[in-house]
Amino acid sequence: LAVSHKIPQAEYTLQCDYAQLALVENLLQQTEGRIVQGEYGASVMLHLALPVTGVEAFGDKLRDLSRGNLQLTPISQ
């Protein structure tokens, strides 16, 4: 039987616009992160859960692809 190891998750908020949403969702798939909750108003406010091991890669790709516009904000536990 395969044992699935629970990878610790870190939670972040991320504000983006609708045009950037697909990019964010694509990155989440690559890093096995997920959207916990989304508020879709004038802009999109996402509550994300990311594997701790993938946070740095996710953040780097996010900055590169958004030319520094998108920033993860840690949610203090």
N, C-alpha and C. Protein backbone atom coordinates (compact mmCIF):
# COMPACT_ATOMS: atom_id res chain seq x y z
N LEU A 1 0.83 -1.20 0.00
CA LEU A 1 0.00 0.00 0.00
C LEU A 1 0.87 1.26 0.00
N ALA A 2 0.55 2.15 -0.87
CA ALA A 2 1.30 3.40 -0.95
C ALA A 2 0.88 4.32 0.18
N VAL A 3 1.86 4.85 0.85
CA VAL A 3 1.59 5.81 1.92
C VAL A 3 1.75 7.20 1.34
N SER A 4 0.71 8.00 1.42
CA SER A 4 0.85 9.37 0.92
C SER A 4 1.32 10.25 2.07
N HIS A 5 2.45 10.85 1.85
CA HIS A 5 3.00 11.74 2.88
C HIS A 5 2.34 13.10 2.75
N LYS A 6 1.87 13.60 3.87
CA LYS A 6 1.27 14.94 3.85
C LYS A 6 2.39 15.96 3.82
N ILE A 7 2.42 16.74 2.77
CA ILE A 7 3.42 17.79 2.67
C ILE A 7 2.87 19.01 3.40
N PRO A 8 3.67 19.60 4.29
CA PRO A 8 3.19 20.78 5.00
C PRO A 8 2.80 21.88 4.02
N GLN A 9 1.70 22.54 4.30
CA GLN A 9 1.20 23.60 3.43
C GLN A 9 1.40 24.94 4.11
N ALA A 10 1.73 25.93 3.31
CA ALA A 10 1.81 27.30 3.81
C ALA A 10 0.68 28.07 3.14
N GLU A 11 0.07 28.99 3.87
CA GLU A 11 -1.06 29.72 3.32
C GLU A 11 -0.68 31.17 3.03
N TYR A 12 -1.19 31.63 1.90
CA TYR A 12 -0.87 32.98 1.41
C TYR A 12 -2.11 33.62 0.82
N THR A 13 -2.09 34.93 0.77
CA THR A 13 -3.09 35.62 -0.02
C THR A 13 -2.37 36.20 -1.23
N LEU A 14 -3.13 36.34 -2.29
CA LEU A 14 -2.59 36.89 -3.53
C LEU A 14 -3.68 37.68 -4.22
N GLN A 15 -3.38 38.92 -4.54
CA GLN A 15 -4.34 39.74 -5.28
C GLN A 15 -3.88 39.82 -6.72
N CYS A 16 -4.79 39.55 -7.63
CA CYS A 16 -4.46 39.64 -9.04
C CYS A 16 -5.67 40.16 -9.80
N ASP A 17 -5.50 40.43 -11.08
CA ASP A 17 -6.68 40.80 -11.85
C ASP A 17 -7.12 39.59 -12.66
N TYR A 18 -8.26 39.71 -13.26
CA TYR A 18 -8.85 38.56 -13.96
C TYR A 18 -7.95 38.05 -15.08
N ALA A 19 -7.21 38.95 -15.73
CA ALA A 19 -6.33 38.57 -16.82
C ALA A 19 -5.19 37.67 -16.34
N GLN A 20 -4.84 37.78 -15.05
CA GLN A 20 -3.71 37.01 -14.51
C GLN A 20 -4.15 35.70 -13.86
N LEU A 21 -5.46 35.50 -13.75
CA LEU A 21 -5.98 34.35 -13.02
C LEU A 21 -5.53 33.02 -13.63
N ALA A 22 -5.59 32.90 -14.94
CA ALA A 22 -5.18 31.66 -15.61
C ALA A 22 -3.71 31.35 -15.34
N LEU A 23 -2.89 32.39 -15.35
CA LEU A 23 -1.47 32.25 -15.07
C LEU A 23 -1.26 31.69 -13.65
N VAL A 24 -1.98 32.26 -12.71
CA VAL A 24 -1.87 31.83 -11.31
C VAL A 24 -2.33 30.37 -11.18
N GLU A 25 -3.47 30.04 -11.81
CA GLU A 25 -3.98 28.67 -11.72
C GLU A 25 -3.01 27.67 -12.35
N ASN A 26 -2.38 28.08 -13.43
CA ASN A 26 -1.40 27.24 -14.10
C ASN A 26 -0.20 26.96 -13.18
N LEU A 27 0.29 28.00 -12.52
CA LEU A 27 1.41 27.85 -11.60
C LEU A 27 1.03 26.96 -10.41
N LEU A 28 -0.21 27.10 -9.95
CA LEU A 28 -0.68 26.28 -8.83
C LEU A 28 -0.62 24.80 -9.20
N GLN A 29 -1.04 24.48 -10.42
CA GLN A 29 -1.00 23.09 -10.87
C GLN A 29 0.43 22.57 -10.89
N GLN A 30 1.35 23.39 -11.38
CA GLN A 30 2.76 22.98 -11.47
C GLN A 30 3.36 22.72 -10.09
N THR A 31 2.94 23.48 -9.08
CA THR A 31 3.54 23.36 -7.76
C THR A 31 2.66 22.59 -6.78
N GLU A 32 1.55 22.05 -7.29
CA GLU A 32 0.61 21.29 -6.47
C GLU A 32 0.01 22.13 -5.34
N GLY A 33 -0.20 23.38 -5.64
CA GLY A 33 -0.89 24.26 -4.70
C GLY A 33 -2.37 24.27 -5.02
N ARG A 34 -3.14 24.97 -4.21
CA ARG A 34 -4.58 25.03 -4.49
C ARG A 34 -5.16 26.35 -3.97
N ILE A 35 -6.30 26.70 -4.54
CA ILE A 35 -7.02 27.87 -4.08
C ILE A 35 -7.97 27.42 -2.97
N VAL A 36 -7.79 27.93 -1.78
CA VAL A 36 -8.65 27.59 -0.65
C VAL A 36 -9.95 28.37 -0.76
N GLN A 37 -9.81 29.63 -1.14
CA GLN A 37 -10.97 30.52 -1.21
C GLN A 37 -10.65 31.65 -2.17
N GLY A 38 -11.65 32.10 -2.90
CA GLY A 38 -11.43 33.21 -3.81
C GLY A 38 -12.54 34.23 -3.67
N GLU A 39 -12.18 35.49 -3.65
CA GLU A 39 -13.16 36.58 -3.66
C GLU A 39 -13.01 37.29 -4.98
N TYR A 40 -14.08 37.26 -5.76
CA TYR A 40 -14.02 37.81 -7.11
C TYR A 40 -14.79 39.12 -7.17
N GLY A 41 -14.10 40.21 -6.88
CA GLY A 41 -14.71 41.53 -6.92
C GLY A 41 -14.13 42.31 -8.08
N ALA A 42 -13.75 43.55 -7.84
CA ALA A 42 -13.12 44.37 -8.88
C ALA A 42 -11.81 43.73 -9.31
N SER A 43 -11.12 43.15 -8.34
CA SER A 43 -9.96 42.32 -8.64
C SER A 43 -10.19 40.99 -7.94
N VAL A 44 -9.27 40.08 -8.11
CA VAL A 44 -9.41 38.75 -7.52
C VAL A 44 -8.51 38.66 -6.29
N MET A 45 -9.08 38.28 -5.15
CA MET A 45 -8.29 38.06 -3.95
C MET A 45 -8.35 36.56 -3.64
N LEU A 46 -7.21 35.93 -3.73
CA LEU A 46 -7.14 34.48 -3.54
C LEU A 46 -6.48 34.13 -2.22
N HIS A 47 -7.01 33.09 -1.59
CA HIS A 47 -6.40 32.50 -0.41
C HIS A 47 -5.82 31.18 -0.91
N LEU A 48 -4.50 31.07 -0.91
CA LEU A 48 -3.81 29.91 -1.49
C LEU A 48 -3.17 29.04 -0.43
N ALA A 49 -3.14 27.75 -0.70
CA ALA A 49 -2.35 26.82 0.10
C ALA A 49 -1.30 26.23 -0.83
N LEU A 50 -0.04 26.39 -0.46
CA LEU A 50 1.07 25.91 -1.28
C LEU A 50 1.92 24.95 -0.46
N PRO A 51 2.42 23.88 -1.11
CA PRO A 51 3.36 23.02 -0.40
C PRO A 51 4.58 23.85 -0.02
N VAL A 52 5.01 23.71 1.22
CA VAL A 52 6.14 24.50 1.72
C VAL A 52 7.35 24.37 0.79
N THR A 53 7.53 23.17 0.23
CA THR A 53 8.67 22.91 -0.64
C THR A 53 8.57 23.64 -1.98
N GLY A 54 7.37 24.09 -2.36
CA GLY A 54 7.19 24.71 -3.65
C GLY A 54 6.98 26.21 -3.62
N VAL A 55 6.98 26.78 -2.41
CA VAL A 55 6.65 28.20 -2.26
C VAL A 55 7.66 29.09 -2.99
N GLU A 56 8.94 28.78 -2.83
CA GLU A 56 9.98 29.63 -3.42
C GLU A 56 9.88 29.61 -4.94
N ALA A 57 9.72 28.42 -5.52
CA ALA A 57 9.60 28.29 -6.98
C ALA A 57 8.36 29.02 -7.48
N PHE A 58 7.26 28.85 -6.74
CA PHE A 58 6.00 29.51 -7.11
C PHE A 58 6.18 31.02 -7.10
N GLY A 59 6.77 31.53 -6.03
CA GLY A 59 6.99 32.98 -5.89
C GLY A 59 7.89 33.53 -6.98
N ASP A 60 8.96 32.78 -7.31
CA ASP A 60 9.89 33.22 -8.36
C ASP A 60 9.20 33.29 -9.72
N LYS A 61 8.46 32.22 -10.06
CA LYS A 61 7.77 32.18 -11.35
C LYS A 61 6.70 33.26 -11.43
N LEU A 62 6.03 33.46 -10.31
CA LEU A 62 4.98 34.47 -10.24
C LEU A 62 5.55 35.86 -10.54
N ARG A 63 6.68 36.16 -9.89
CA ARG A 63 7.33 37.46 -10.11
C ARG A 63 7.80 37.60 -11.55
N ASP A 64 8.41 36.54 -12.09
CA ASP A 64 8.91 36.59 -13.47
C ASP A 64 7.77 36.82 -14.45
N LEU A 65 6.73 36.01 -14.35
CA LEU A 65 5.64 36.05 -15.32
C LEU A 65 4.80 37.31 -15.21
N SER A 66 4.75 37.89 -14.02
CA SER A 66 3.94 39.11 -13.83
C SER A 66 4.82 40.36 -13.85
N ARG A 67 6.09 40.17 -14.18
CA ARG A 67 7.07 41.28 -14.17
C ARG A 67 7.07 42.01 -12.83
N GLY A 68 6.96 41.26 -11.77
CA GLY A 68 7.05 41.82 -10.43
C GLY A 68 5.75 42.39 -9.88
N ASN A 69 4.66 42.28 -10.66
CA ASN A 69 3.39 42.85 -10.19
C ASN A 69 2.72 42.03 -9.11
N LEU A 70 2.87 40.70 -9.18
CA LEU A 70 2.16 39.84 -8.24
C LEU A 70 3.07 39.40 -7.11
N GLN A 71 2.58 39.53 -5.90
CA GLN A 71 3.36 39.17 -4.71
C GLN A 71 2.51 38.29 -3.78
N LEU A 72 3.11 37.24 -3.29
CA LEU A 72 2.43 36.42 -2.28
C LEU A 72 2.54 37.14 -0.94
N THR A 73 1.47 37.12 -0.18
CA THR A 73 1.47 37.67 1.17
C THR A 73 1.21 36.53 2.14
N PRO A 74 2.18 36.21 2.99
CA PRO A 74 1.98 35.11 3.94
C PRO A 74 0.84 35.42 4.90
N ILE A 75 0.07 34.40 5.22
CA ILE A 75 -0.96 34.53 6.24
C ILE A 75 -0.34 33.99 7.52
N SER A 76 -0.21 34.85 8.51
CA SER A 76 0.40 34.39 9.75
C SER A 76 -0.56 33.46 10.48
N GLN A 77 -0.06 32.32 10.86
CA GLN A 77 -0.91 31.31 11.49
C GLN A 77 -1.18 31.67 12.95
